[in-house]
PDB file of all heavy atoms in Angstrom:
ATOM      1  N   GLU A   1      -0.379 -32.682-125.579  1.00  0.00           N
ATOM      2  CA  GLU A   1       0.289 -33.885-126.094  1.00  0.00           C
ATOM      3  C   GLU A   1       1.296 -34.410-125.079  1.00  0.00           C
ATOM      4  O   GLU A   1       1.432 -35.606-124.887  1.00  0.00           O
ATOM      5  CB  GLU A   1       0.961 -33.580-127.431  1.00  0.00           C
ATOM      6  CG  GLU A   1      -0.033 -33.309-128.539  1.00  0.00           C
ATOM      7  CD  GLU A   1       0.648 -32.908-129.840  1.00  0.00           C
ATOM      8  OE1 GLU A   1       1.866 -33.141-129.995  1.00  0.00           O
ATOM      9  OE2 GLU A   1      -0.057 -32.366-130.702  1.00  0.00           O
ATOM     10  N   GLN A   2       2.018 -33.511-124.461  1.00  0.00           N
ATOM     11  CA  GLN A   2       2.982 -33.868-123.419  1.00  0.00           C
ATOM     12  C   GLN A   2       2.793 -32.895-122.272  1.00  0.00           C
ATOM     13  O   GLN A   2       2.964 -31.695-122.445  1.00  0.00           O
ATOM     14  CB  GLN A   2       4.420 -33.758-123.944  1.00  0.00           C
ATOM     15  CG  GLN A   2       4.723 -34.684-125.077  1.00  0.00           C
ATOM     16  CD  GLN A   2       6.140 -34.444-125.601  1.00  0.00           C
ATOM     17  OE1 GLN A   2       6.865 -33.593-125.123  1.00  0.00           O
ATOM     18  NE2 GLN A   2       6.520 -35.224-126.582  1.00  0.00           N
ATOM     19  N   PRO A   3       2.415 -33.398-121.099  1.00  0.00           N
ATOM     20  CA  PRO A   3       2.225 -32.478-119.980  1.00  0.00           C
ATOM     21  C   PRO A   3       3.522 -31.737-119.655  1.00  0.00           C
ATOM     22  O   PRO A   3       4.575 -32.355-119.553  1.00  0.00           O
ATOM     23  CB  PRO A   3       1.806 -33.383-118.822  1.00  0.00           C
ATOM     24  CG  PRO A   3       1.715 -34.767-119.361  1.00  0.00           C
ATOM     25  CD  PRO A   3       2.213 -34.774-120.766  1.00  0.00           C
ATOM     26  N   ALA A   4       3.413 -30.445-119.560  1.00  0.00           N
ATOM     27  CA  ALA A   4       4.584 -29.630-119.216  1.00  0.00           C
ATOM     28  C   ALA A   4       4.111 -28.369-118.524  1.00  0.00           C
ATOM     29  O   ALA A   4       3.099 -27.789-118.895  1.00  0.00           O
ATOM     30  CB  ALA A   4       5.375 -29.277-120.476  1.00  0.00           C
ATOM     31  N   ARG A   5       4.864 -27.947-117.547  1.00  0.00           N
ATOM     32  CA  ARG A   5       4.529 -26.728-116.819  1.00  0.00           C
ATOM     33  C   ARG A   5       4.706 -25.518-117.742  1.00  0.00           C
ATOM     34  O   ARG A   5       5.689 -25.405-118.471  1.00  0.00           O
ATOM     35  CB  ARG A   5       5.455 -26.612-115.612  1.00  0.00           C
ATOM     36  CG  ARG A   5       5.137 -25.455-114.741  1.00  0.00           C
ATOM     37  CD  ARG A   5       6.091 -25.469-113.550  1.00  0.00           C
ATOM     38  NE  ARG A   5       6.037 -24.211-112.874  1.00  0.00           N
ATOM     39  CZ  ARG A   5       5.378 -24.014-111.744  1.00  0.00           C
ATOM     40  NH1 ARG A   5       4.748 -25.013-111.176  1.00  0.00           N
ATOM     41  NH2 ARG A   5       5.371 -22.833-111.185  1.00  0.00           N
ATOM     42  N   GLY A   6       3.724 -24.638-117.727  1.00  0.00           N
ATOM     43  CA  GLY A   6       3.804 -23.429-118.539  1.00  0.00           C
ATOM     44  C   GLY A   6       3.465 -23.644-120.000  1.00  0.00           C
ATOM     45  O   GLY A   6       3.628 -22.735-120.804  1.00  0.00           O
ATOM     46  N   GLN A   7       3.002 -24.833-120.355  1.00  0.00           N
ATOM     47  CA  GLN A   7       2.662 -25.104-121.755  1.00  0.00           C
ATOM     48  C   GLN A   7       1.381 -24.361-122.108  1.00  0.00           C
ATOM     49  O   GLN A   7       0.449 -24.287-121.306  1.00  0.00           O
ATOM     50  CB  GLN A   7       2.465 -26.601-121.966  1.00  0.00           C
ATOM     51  CG  GLN A   7       2.184 -26.968-123.413  1.00  0.00           C
ATOM     52  CD  GLN A   7       2.105 -28.480-123.579  1.00  0.00           C
ATOM     53  OE1 GLN A   7       2.341 -29.228-122.659  1.00  0.00           O
ATOM     54  NE2 GLN A   7       1.768 -28.909-124.777  1.00  0.00           N
ATOM     55  N   LYS A   8       1.335 -23.800-123.308  1.00  0.00           N
ATOM     56  CA  LYS A   8       0.145 -23.066-123.710  1.00  0.00           C
ATOM     57  C   LYS A   8      -1.016 -24.020-123.933  1.00  0.00           C
ATOM     58  O   LYS A   8      -0.840 -25.135-124.427  1.00  0.00           O
ATOM     59  CB  LYS A   8       0.410 -22.229-124.955  1.00  0.00           C
ATOM     60  CG  LYS A   8       0.739 -23.021-126.207  1.00  0.00           C
ATOM     61  CD  LYS A   8       1.031 -22.098-127.363  1.00  0.00           C
ATOM     62  CE  LYS A   8       1.361 -22.908-128.609  1.00  0.00           C
ATOM     63  NZ  LYS A   8       1.648 -22.069-129.744  1.00  0.00           N
ATOM     64  N   LYS A   9      -2.206 -23.571-123.543  1.00  0.00           N
ATOM     65  CA  LYS A   9      -3.423 -24.352-123.730  1.00  0.00           C
ATOM     66  C   LYS A   9      -4.049 -23.963-125.057  1.00  0.00           C
ATOM     67  O   LYS A   9      -4.146 -22.787-125.381  1.00  0.00           O
ATOM     68  CB  LYS A   9      -4.453 -24.037-122.646  1.00  0.00           C
ATOM     69  CG  LYS A   9      -4.132 -24.476-121.273  1.00  0.00           C
ATOM     70  CD  LYS A   9      -5.363 -24.139-120.395  1.00  0.00           C
ATOM     71  CE  LYS A   9      -5.044 -24.188-118.939  1.00  0.00           C
ATOM     72  NZ  LYS A   9      -6.217 -23.790-118.133  1.00  0.00           N
ATOM     73  N   SER A  10      -4.503 -24.962-125.794  1.00  0.00           N
ATOM     74  CA  SER A  10      -5.315 -24.696-126.975  1.00  0.00           C
ATOM     75  C   SER A  10      -6.754 -25.004-126.613  1.00  0.00           C
ATOM     76  O   SER A  10      -7.026 -25.907-125.819  1.00  0.00           O
ATOM     77  CB  SER A  10      -4.864 -25.561-128.152  1.00  0.00           C
ATOM     78  OG  SER A  10      -3.650 -25.083-128.663  1.00  0.00           O
ATOM     79  N   TYR A  11      -7.666 -24.250-127.207  1.00  0.00           N
ATOM     80  CA  TYR A  11      -9.072 -24.375-126.875  1.00  0.00           C
ATOM     81  C   TYR A  11      -9.876 -24.756-128.101  1.00  0.00           C
ATOM     82  O   TYR A  11      -9.530 -24.389-129.229  1.00  0.00           O
ATOM     83  CB  TYR A  11      -9.611 -23.047-126.328  1.00  0.00           C
ATOM     84  CG  TYR A  11      -8.987 -22.637-125.025  1.00  0.00           C
ATOM     85  CD1 TYR A  11      -7.846 -21.844-125.007  1.00  0.00           C
ATOM     86  CD2 TYR A  11      -9.529 -23.041-123.819  1.00  0.00           C
ATOM     87  CE1 TYR A  11      -7.262 -21.462-123.814  1.00  0.00           C
ATOM     88  CE2 TYR A  11      -8.961 -22.663-122.612  1.00  0.00           C
ATOM     89  CZ  TYR A  11      -7.827 -21.878-122.621  1.00  0.00           C
ATOM     90  OH  TYR A  11      -7.249 -21.504-121.430  1.00  0.00           O
ATOM     91  N   GLU A  12     -10.988 -25.464-127.845  1.00  0.00           N
ATOM     92  CA  GLU A  12     -11.943 -25.760-128.900  1.00  0.00           C
ATOM     93  C   GLU A  12     -13.339 -25.464-128.370  1.00  0.00           C
ATOM     94  O   GLU A  12     -13.582 -25.455-127.158  1.00  0.00           O
ATOM     95  CB  GLU A  12     -11.841 -27.210-129.365  1.00  0.00           C
ATOM     96  CG  GLU A  12     -12.323 -28.233-128.358  1.00  0.00           C
ATOM     97  CD  GLU A  12     -12.275 -29.660-128.881  1.00  0.00           C
ATOM     98  OE1 GLU A  12     -11.946 -29.868-130.061  1.00  0.00           O
ATOM     99  OE2 GLU A  12     -12.559 -30.566-128.092  1.00  0.00           O
ATOM    100  N   VAL A  13     -14.265 -25.229-129.287  1.00  0.00           N
ATOM    101  CA  VAL A  13     -15.642 -24.906-128.929  1.00  0.00           C
ATOM    102  C   VAL A  13     -16.420 -26.195-128.720  1.00  0.00           C
ATOM    103  O   VAL A  13     -16.325 -27.134-129.515  1.00  0.00           O
ATOM    104  CB  VAL A  13     -16.296 -24.046-130.029  1.00  0.00           C
ATOM    105  CG1 VAL A  13     -17.759 -23.761-129.704  1.00  0.00           C
ATOM    106  CG2 VAL A  13     -15.524 -22.739-130.223  1.00  0.00           C
ATOM    107  N   LEU A  14     -17.197 -26.219-127.649  1.00  0.00           N
ATOM    108  CA  LEU A  14     -18.064 -27.354-127.351  1.00  0.00           C
ATOM    109  C   LEU A  14     -19.449 -27.118-127.965  1.00  0.00           C
ATOM    110  O   LEU A  14     -19.746 -26.018-128.452  1.00  0.00           O
ATOM    111  CB  LEU A  14     -18.185 -27.542-125.840  1.00  0.00           C
ATOM    112  CG  LEU A  14     -16.865 -27.839-125.107  1.00  0.00           C
ATOM    113  CD1 LEU A  14     -17.064 -27.814-123.595  1.00  0.00           C
ATOM    114  CD2 LEU A  14     -16.304 -29.177-125.561  1.00  0.00           C
ATOM    115  N   THR A  15     -20.300 -28.136-127.918  1.00  0.00           N
ATOM    116  CA  THR A  15     -21.646 -28.045-128.490  1.00  0.00           C
ATOM    117  C   THR A  15     -22.419 -26.863-127.916  1.00  0.00           C
ATOM    118  O   THR A  15     -23.090 -26.135-128.651  1.00  0.00           O
ATOM    119  CB  THR A  15     -22.418 -29.362-128.239  1.00  0.00           C
ATOM    120  OG1 THR A  15     -21.644 -30.439-128.769  1.00  0.00           O
ATOM    121  CG2 THR A  15     -23.781 -29.344-128.886  1.00  0.00           C
ATOM    122  N   ALA A  16     -22.304 -26.645-126.598  1.00  0.00           N
ATOM    123  CA  ALA A  16     -23.008 -25.518-125.963  1.00  0.00           C
ATOM    124  C   ALA A  16     -22.504 -24.182-126.495  1.00  0.00           C
ATOM    125  O   ALA A  16     -23.274 -23.227-126.657  1.00  0.00           O
ATOM    126  CB  ALA A  16     -22.845 -25.581-124.448  1.00  0.00           C
ATOM    127  N   GLY A  17     -21.211 -24.086-126.784  1.00  0.00           N
ATOM    128  CA  GLY A  17     -20.644 -22.854-127.338  1.00  0.00           C
ATOM    129  C   GLY A  17     -21.135 -22.597-128.748  1.00  0.00           C
ATOM    130  O   GLY A  17     -21.451 -21.451-129.101  1.00  0.00           O
ATOM    131  N   ARG A  18     -21.200 -23.632-129.550  1.00  0.00           N
ATOM    132  CA  ARG A  18     -21.727 -23.495-130.917  1.00  0.00           C
ATOM    133  C   ARG A  18     -23.189 -23.056-130.866  1.00  0.00           C
ATOM    134  O   ARG A  18     -23.618 -22.177-131.627  1.00  0.00           O
ATOM    135  CB  ARG A  18     -21.583 -24.801-131.684  1.00  0.00           C
ATOM    136  CG  ARG A  18     -22.088 -24.727-133.115  1.00  0.00           C
ATOM    137  CD  ARG A  18     -21.933 -26.060-133.830  1.00  0.00           C
ATOM    138  NE  ARG A  18     -20.585 -26.305-134.276  1.00  0.00           N
ATOM    139  CZ  ARG A  18     -20.069 -25.820-135.406  1.00  0.00           C
ATOM    140  NH1 ARG A  18     -20.789 -25.049-136.179  1.00  0.00           N
ATOM    141  NH2 ARG A  18     -18.832 -26.100-135.740  1.00  0.00           N
ATOM    142  N   ALA A  19     -23.961 -23.660-129.951  1.00  0.00           N
ATOM    143  CA  ALA A  19     -25.379 -23.302-129.816  1.00  0.00           C
ATOM    144  C   ALA A  19     -25.528 -21.840-129.372  1.00  0.00           C
ATOM    145  O   ALA A  19     -26.403 -21.121-129.867  1.00  0.00           O
ATOM    146  CB  ALA A  19     -26.061 -24.239-128.817  1.00  0.00           C
ATOM    147  N   GLU A  20     -24.675 -21.388-128.453  1.00  0.00           N
ATOM    148  CA  GLU A  20     -24.725 -20.000-128.004  1.00  0.00           C
ATOM    149  C   GLU A  20     -24.393 -19.050-129.149  1.00  0.00           C
ATOM    150  O   GLU A  20     -25.047 -18.023-129.325  1.00  0.00           O
ATOM    151  CB  GLU A  20     -23.760 -19.772-126.837  1.00  0.00           C
ATOM    152  CG  GLU A  20     -23.519 -18.316-126.479  1.00  0.00           C
ATOM    153  CD  GLU A  20     -24.778 -17.511-126.174  1.00  0.00           C
ATOM    154  OE1 GLU A  20     -25.827 -18.097-125.824  1.00  0.00           O
ATOM    155  OE2 GLU A  20     -24.713 -16.275-126.312  1.00  0.00           O
ATOM    156  N   LEU A  21     -23.400 -19.393-129.947  1.00  0.00           N
ATOM    157  CA  LEU A  21     -23.039 -18.543-131.083  1.00  0.00           C
ATOM    158  C   LEU A  21     -24.173 -18.508-132.105  1.00  0.00           C
ATOM    159  O   LEU A  21     -24.506 -17.443-132.635  1.00  0.00           O
ATOM    160  CB  LEU A  21     -21.734 -19.021-131.725  1.00  0.00           C
ATOM    161  CG  LEU A  21     -21.150 -18.117-132.792  1.00  0.00           C
ATOM    162  CD1 LEU A  21     -20.845 -16.726-132.232  1.00  0.00           C
ATOM    163  CD2 LEU A  21     -19.899 -18.741-133.383  1.00  0.00           C
ATOM    164  N   ALA A  22     -24.797 -19.643-132.358  1.00  0.00           N
ATOM    165  CA  ALA A  22     -25.927 -19.693-133.294  1.00  0.00           C
ATOM    166  C   ALA A  22     -27.100 -18.862-132.763  1.00  0.00           C
ATOM    167  O   ALA A  22     -27.753 -18.133-133.519  1.00  0.00           O
ATOM    168  CB  ALA A  22     -26.349 -21.143-133.529  1.00  0.00           C
ATOM    169  N   ARG A  23     -27.365 -18.961-131.458  1.00  0.00           N
ATOM    170  CA  ARG A  23     -28.438 -18.167-130.858  1.00  0.00           C
ATOM    171  C   ARG A  23     -28.161 -16.678-131.021  1.00  0.00           C
ATOM    172  O   ARG A  23     -29.012 -15.895-131.416  1.00  0.00           O
ATOM    173  CB  ARG A  23     -28.569 -18.508-129.366  1.00  0.00           C
ATOM    174  CG  ARG A  23     -29.702 -17.755-128.661  1.00  0.00           C
ATOM    175  CD  ARG A  23     -29.462 -17.557-127.176  1.00  0.00           C
ATOM    176  NE  ARG A  23     -28.272 -16.797-126.839  1.00  0.00           N
ATOM    177  CZ  ARG A  23     -28.140 -15.458-126.954  1.00  0.00           C
ATOM    178  NH1 ARG A  23     -29.114 -14.733-127.434  1.00  0.00           N
ATOM    179  NH2 ARG A  23     -27.003 -14.860-126.609  1.00  0.00           N
ATOM    180  N   TRP A  24     -26.922 -16.294-130.741  1.00  0.00           N
ATOM    181  CA  TRP A  24     -26.536 -14.885-130.806  1.00  0.00           C
ATOM    182  C   TRP A  24     -26.617 -14.349-132.230  1.00  0.00           C
ATOM    183  O   TRP A  24     -27.077 -13.230-132.458  1.00  0.00           O
ATOM    184  CB  TRP A  24     -25.128 -14.732-130.238  1.00  0.00           C
ATOM    185  CG  TRP A  24     -24.627 -13.334-130.220  1.00  0.00           C
ATOM    186  CD1 TRP A  24     -24.974 -12.336-129.367  1.00  0.00           C
ATOM    187  CD2 TRP A  24     -23.652 -12.774-131.105  1.00  0.00           C
ATOM    188  NE1 TRP A  24     -24.285 -11.184-129.656  1.00  0.00           N
ATOM    189  CE2 TRP A  24     -23.468 -11.437-130.726  1.00  0.00           C
ATOM    190  CE3 TRP A  24     -22.932 -13.281-132.178  1.00  0.00           C
ATOM    191  CZ2 TRP A  24     -22.582 -10.594-131.388  1.00  0.00           C
ATOM    192  CZ3 TRP A  24     -22.042 -12.440-132.835  1.00  0.00           C
ATOM    193  CH2 TRP A  24     -21.883 -11.109-132.437  1.00  0.00           C
ATOM    194  N   THR A  25     -26.160 -15.131-133.208  1.00  0.00           N
ATOM    195  CA  THR A  25     -26.197 -14.647-134.593  1.00  0.00           C
ATOM    196  C   THR A  25     -27.627 -14.521-135.115  1.00  0.00           C
ATOM    197  O   THR A  25     -27.898 -13.678-135.965  1.00  0.00           O
ATOM    198  CB  THR A  25     -25.379 -15.545-135.548  1.00  0.00           C
ATOM    199  OG1 THR A  25     -25.892 -16.863-135.508  1.00  0.00           O
ATOM    200  CG2 THR A  25     -23.915 -15.543-135.203  1.00  0.00           C
ATOM    201  N   ALA A  26     -28.543 -15.341-134.601  1.00  0.00           N
ATOM    202  CA  ALA A  26     -29.932 -15.307-135.060  1.00  0.00           C
ATOM    203  C   ALA A  26     -30.761 -14.223-134.366  1.00  0.00           C
ATOM    204  O   ALA A  26     -31.825 -13.847-134.855  1.00  0.00           O
ATOM    205  CB  ALA A  26     -30.584 -16.674-134.836  1.00  0.00           C
ATOM    206  N   ALA A  27     -30.297 -13.718-133.232  1.00  0.00           N
ATOM    207  CA  ALA A  27     -31.060 -12.729-132.468  1.00  0.00           C
ATOM    208  C   ALA A  27     -31.032 -11.373-133.174  1.00  0.00           C
ATOM    209  O   ALA A  27     -30.001 -10.956-133.694  1.00  0.00           O
ATOM    210  CB  ALA A  27     -30.473 -12.594-131.060  1.00  0.00           C
ATOM    211  N   PRO A  28     -32.163 -10.675-133.192  1.00  0.00           N
ATOM    212  CA  PRO A  28     -32.170  -9.346-133.819  1.00  0.00           C
ATOM    213  C   PRO A  28     -31.344  -8.357-132.992  1.00  0.00           C
ATOM    214  O   PRO A  28     -31.246  -8.482-131.770  1.00  0.00           O
ATOM    215  CB  PRO A  28     -33.659  -8.955-133.809  1.00  0.00           C
ATOM    216  CG  PRO A  28     -34.287  -9.796-132.760  1.00  0.00           C
ATOM    217  CD  PRO A  28     -33.460 -11.046-132.646  1.00  0.00           C
ATOM    218  N   GLN A  29     -30.765  -7.413-133.668  1.00  0.00           N
ATOM    219  CA  GLN A  29     -29.988  -6.373-132.991  1.00  0.00           C
ATOM    220  C   GLN A  29     -30.154  -5.076-133.759  1.00  0.00           C
ATOM    221  O   GLN A  29     -30.016  -5.042-134.981  1.00  0.00           O
ATOM    222  CB  GLN A  29     -28.509  -6.758-132.912  1.00  0.00           C
ATOM    223  CG  GLN A  29     -27.693  -5.788-132.108  1.00  0.00           C
ATOM    224  CD  GLN A  29     -26.251  -6.234-131.954  1.00  0.00           C
ATOM    225  OE1 GLN A  29     -25.757  -7.084-132.674  1.00  0.00           O
ATOM    226  NE2 GLN A  29     -25.567  -5.644-131.002  1.00  0.00           N
ATOM    227  N   ASP A  30     -30.448  -4.013-133.039  1.00  0.00           N
ATOM    228  CA  ASP A  30     -30.597  -2.702-133.663  1.00  0.00           C
ATOM    229  C   ASP A  30     -29.229  -2.124-133.981  1.00  0.00           C
ATOM    230  O   ASP A  30     -28.265  -2.383-133.262  1.00  0.00           O
ATOM    231  CB  ASP A  30     -31.345  -1.746-132.729  1.00  0.00           C
ATOM    232  CG  ASP A  30     -32.790  -2.164-132.510  1.00  0.00           C
ATOM    233  OD1 ASP A  30     -33.360  -2.822-133.392  1.00  0.00           O
ATOM    234  OD2 ASP A  30     -33.344  -1.837-131.442  1.00  0.00           O
ATOM    235  N   PRO A  31     -29.145  -1.312-135.032  1.00  0.00           N
ATOM    236  CA  PRO A  31     -27.870  -0.631-135.304  1.00  0.00           C
ATOM    237  C   PRO A  31     -27.506   0.274-134.131  1.00  0.00           C
ATOM    238  O   PRO A  31     -28.375   0.838-133.470  1.00  0.00           O
ATOM    239  CB  PRO A  31     -28.162   0.209-136.554  1.00  0.00           C
ATOM    240  CG  PRO A  31     -29.442  -0.286-137.103  1.00  0.00           C
ATOM    241  CD  PRO A  31     -30.182  -0.962-135.991  1.00  0.00           C
ATOM    242  N   LYS A  32     -26.225   0.370-133.888  1.00  0.00           N
ATOM    243  CA  LYS A  32     -25.741   1.226-132.800  1.00  0.00           C
ATOM    244  C   LYS A  32     -25.591   2.655-133.318  1.00  0.00           C
ATOM    245  O   LYS A  32     -25.118   2.868-134.437  1.00  0.00           O
ATOM    246  CB  LYS A  32     -24.378   0.739-132.291  1.00  0.00           C
ATOM    247  CG  LYS A  32     -24.414  -0.662-131.723  1.00  0.00           C
ATOM    248  CD  LYS A  32     -25.169  -0.707-130.423  1.00  0.00           C
ATOM    249  CE  LYS A  32     -25.118  -2.095-129.840  1.00  0.00           C
ATOM    250  NZ  LYS A  32     -26.303  -2.453-129.120  1.00  0.00           N
ATOM    251  N   PRO A  33     -25.972   3.644-132.499  1.00  0.00           N
ATOM    252  CA  PRO A  33     -25.762   5.034-132.920  1.00  0.00           C
ATOM    253  C   PRO A  33     -24.269   5.322-133.054  1.00  0.00           C
ATOM    254  O   PRO A  33     -23.463   4.789-132.304  1.00  0.00           O
ATOM    255  CB  PRO A  33     -26.363   5.866-131.790  1.00  0.00           C
ATOM    256  CG  PRO A  33     -27.004   4.916-130.839  1.00  0.00           C
ATOM    257  CD  PRO A  33     -26.576   3.530-131.199  1.00  0.00           C
ATOM    258  N   LEU A  34     -23.938   6.163-133.997  1.00  0.00           N
ATOM    259  CA  LEU A  34     -22.544   6.541-134.219  1.00  0.00           C
ATOM    260  C   LEU A  34     -22.073   7.442-133.075  1.00  0.00           C
ATOM    261  O   LEU A  34     -22.742   8.409-132.728  1.00  0.00           O
ATOM    262  CB  LEU A  34     -22.406   7.285-135.553  1.00  0.00           C
ATOM    263  CG  LEU A  34     -21.020   7.796-135.915  1.00  0.00           C
ATOM    264  CD1 LEU A  34     -20.051   6.631-136.063  1.00  0.00           C
ATOM    265  CD2 LEU A  34     -21.071   8.615-137.187  1.00  0.00           C
ATOM    266  N   ARG A  35     -20.953   7.058-132.481  1.00  0.00           N
ATOM    267  CA  ARG A  35     -20.302   7.879-131.448  1.00  0.00           C
ATOM    268  C   ARG A  35     -18.860   8.042-131.892  1.00  0.00           C
ATOM    269  O   ARG A  35     -18.084   7.100-131.799  1.00  0.00           O
ATOM    270  CB  ARG A  35     -20.360   7.189-130.096  1.00  0.00           C
ATOM    271  CG  ARG A  35     -21.741   7.129-129.504  1.00  0.00           C
ATOM    272  CD  ARG A  35     -21.729   6.361-128.219  1.00  0.00           C
ATOM    273  NE  ARG A  35     -20.811   6.976-127.267  1.00  0.00           N
ATOM    274  CZ  ARG A  35     -21.028   7.080-125.978  1.00  0.00           C
ATOM    275  NH1 ARG A  35     -22.118   6.587-125.459  1.00  0.00           N
ATOM    276  NH2 ARG A  35     -20.159   7.644-125.186  1.00  0.00           N
ATOM    277  N   ASP A  36     -18.523   9.203-132.384  1.00  0.00           N
ATOM    278  CA  ASP A  36     -17.179   9.425-132.908  1.00  0.00           C
ATOM    279  C   ASP A  36     -16.610  10.704-132.320  1.00  0.00           C
ATOM    280  O   ASP A  36     -17.175  11.786-132.495  1.00  0.00           O
ATOM    281  CB  ASP A  36     -17.237   9.503-134.441  1.00  0.00           C
ATOM    282  CG  ASP A  36     -15.850   9.503-135.041  1.00  0.00           C
ATOM    283  OD1 ASP A  36     -15.159  10.540-134.947  1.00  0.00           O
ATOM    284  OD2 ASP A  36     -15.455   8.471-135.603  1.00  0.00           O
ATOM    285  N   THR A  37     -15.500  10.573-131.635  1.00  0.00           N
ATOM    286  CA  THR A  37     -14.872  11.714-130.968  1.00  0.00           C
ATOM    287  C   THR A  37     -14.464  12.790-131.962  1.00  0.00           C
ATOM    288  O   THR A  37     -14.609  13.987-131.681  1.00  0.00           O
ATOM    289  CB  THR A  37     -13.644  11.240-130.164  1.00  0.00           C
ATOM    290  OG1 THR A  37     -14.057  10.197-129.283  1.00  0.00           O
ATOM    291  CG2 THR A  37     -13.038  12.367-129.354  1.00  0.00           C
ATOM    292  N   LEU A  38     -13.952  12.393-133.125  1.00  0.00           N
ATOM    293  CA  LEU A  38     -13.534  13.392-134.110  1.00  0.00           C
ATOM    294  C   LEU A  38     -14.723  14.242-134.549  1.00  0.00           C
ATOM    295  O   LEU A  38     -14.605  15.468-134.675  1.00  0.00           O
ATOM    296  CB  LEU A  38     -12.878  12.727-135.321  1.00  0.00           C
ATOM    297  CG  LEU A  38     -12.435  13.696-136.417  1.00  0.00           C
ATOM    298  CD1 LEU A  38     -11.353  14.647-135.901  1.00  0.00           C
ATOM    299  CD2 LEU A  38     -11.947  12.931-137.635  1.00  0.00           C
ATOM    300  N   LEU A  39     -15.860  13.618-134.774  1.00  0.00           N
ATOM    301  CA  LEU A  39     -17.038  14.388-135.183  1.00  0.00           C
ATOM    302  C   LEU A  39     -17.463  15.366-134.086  1.00  0.00           C
ATOM    303  O   LEU A  39     -17.816  16.514-134.371  1.00  0.00           O
ATOM    304  CB  LEU A  39     -18.190  13.448-135.541  1.00  0.00           C
ATOM    305  CG  LEU A  39     -17.952  12.539-136.746  1.00  0.00           C
ATOM    306  CD1 LEU A  39     -19.147  11.611-136.954  1.00  0.00           C
ATOM    307  CD2 LEU A  39     -17.651  13.333-137.998  1.00  0.00           C
ATOM    308  N   LEU A  40     -17.398  14.923-132.853  1.00  0.00           N
ATOM    309  CA  LEU A  40     -17.745  15.804-131.743  1.00  0.00           C
ATOM    310  C   LEU A  40     -16.740  16.954-131.646  1.00  0.00           C
ATOM    311  O   LEU A  40     -17.116  18.118-131.431  1.00  0.00           O
ATOM    312  CB  LEU A  40     -17.794  15.007-130.436  1.00  0.00           C
ATOM    313  CG  LEU A  40     -18.213  15.773-129.192  1.00  0.00           C
ATOM    314  CD1 LEU A  40     -19.579  16.428-129.361  1.00  0.00           C
ATOM    315  CD2 LEU A  40     -18.213  14.829-127.992  1.00  0.00           C
ATOM    316  N   ARG A  41     -15.464  16.647-131.823  1.00  0.00           N
ATOM    317  CA  ARG A  41     -14.426  17.693-131.773  1.00  0.00           C
ATOM    318  C   ARG A  41     -14.619  18.698-132.906  1.00  0.00           C
ATOM    319  O   ARG A  41     -14.423  19.904-132.728  1.00  0.00           O
ATOM    320  CB  ARG A  41     -13.039  17.059-131.848  1.00  0.00           C
ATOM    321  CG  ARG A  41     -12.672  16.318-130.576  1.00  0.00           C
ATOM    322  CD  ARG A  41     -11.350  15.573-130.664  1.00  0.00           C
ATOM    323  NE  ARG A  41     -10.275  16.441-131.093  1.00  0.00           N
ATOM    324  CZ  ARG A  41      -9.389  16.103-132.043  1.00  0.00           C
ATOM    325  NH1 ARG A  41      -9.439  14.928-132.630  1.00  0.00           N
ATOM    326  NH2 ARG A  41      -8.437  16.939-132.381  1.00  0.00           N
ATOM    327  N   LEU A  42     -15.003  18.210-134.076  1.00  0.00           N
ATOM    328  CA  LEU A  42     -15.231  19.093-135.215  1.00  0.00           C
ATOM    329  C   LEU A  42     -16.412  20.023-134.926  1.00  0.00           C
ATOM    330  O   LEU A  42     -16.359  21.222-135.196  1.00  0.00           O
ATOM    331  CB  LEU A  42     -15.478  18.261-136.477  1.00  0.00           C
ATOM    332  CG  LEU A  42     -15.414  18.980-137.803  1.00  0.00           C
ATOM    333  CD1 LEU A  42     -14.051  19.631-138.009  1.00  0.00           C
ATOM    334  CD2 LEU A  42     -15.685  17.998-138.934  1.00  0.00           C
ATOM    335  N   ARG A  43     -17.466  19.468-134.338  1.00  0.00           N
ATOM    336  CA  ARG A  43     -18.629  20.288-133.957  1.00  0.00           C
ATOM    337  C   ARG A  43     -18.215  21.338-132.925  1.00  0.00           C
ATOM    338  O   ARG A  43     -18.615  22.496-133.012  1.00  0.00           O
ATOM    339  CB  ARG A  43     -19.728  19.370-133.420  1.00  0.00           C
ATOM    340  CG  ARG A  43     -20.971  20.035-132.903  1.00  0.00           C
ATOM    341  CD  ARG A  43     -21.822  20.587-134.032  1.00  0.00           C
ATOM    342  NE  ARG A  43     -22.981  21.285-133.516  1.00  0.00           N
ATOM    343  CZ  ARG A  43     -24.210  20.809-133.532  1.00  0.00           C
ATOM    344  NH1 ARG A  43     -24.452  19.624-134.054  1.00  0.00           N
ATOM    345  NH2 ARG A  43     -25.206  21.513-133.058  1.00  0.00           N
TER     346      ARG A  43
END
């Protein structure tokens, strides 16, 4: 709104970003194997 040095930038998503997010959410993904340090320590 007013140019100033050190002013924080706000960001918004562009059409390409929305399309990338839609692509990613629609893509299949396998469940990740459980990796838990506490379980390994208990073993």
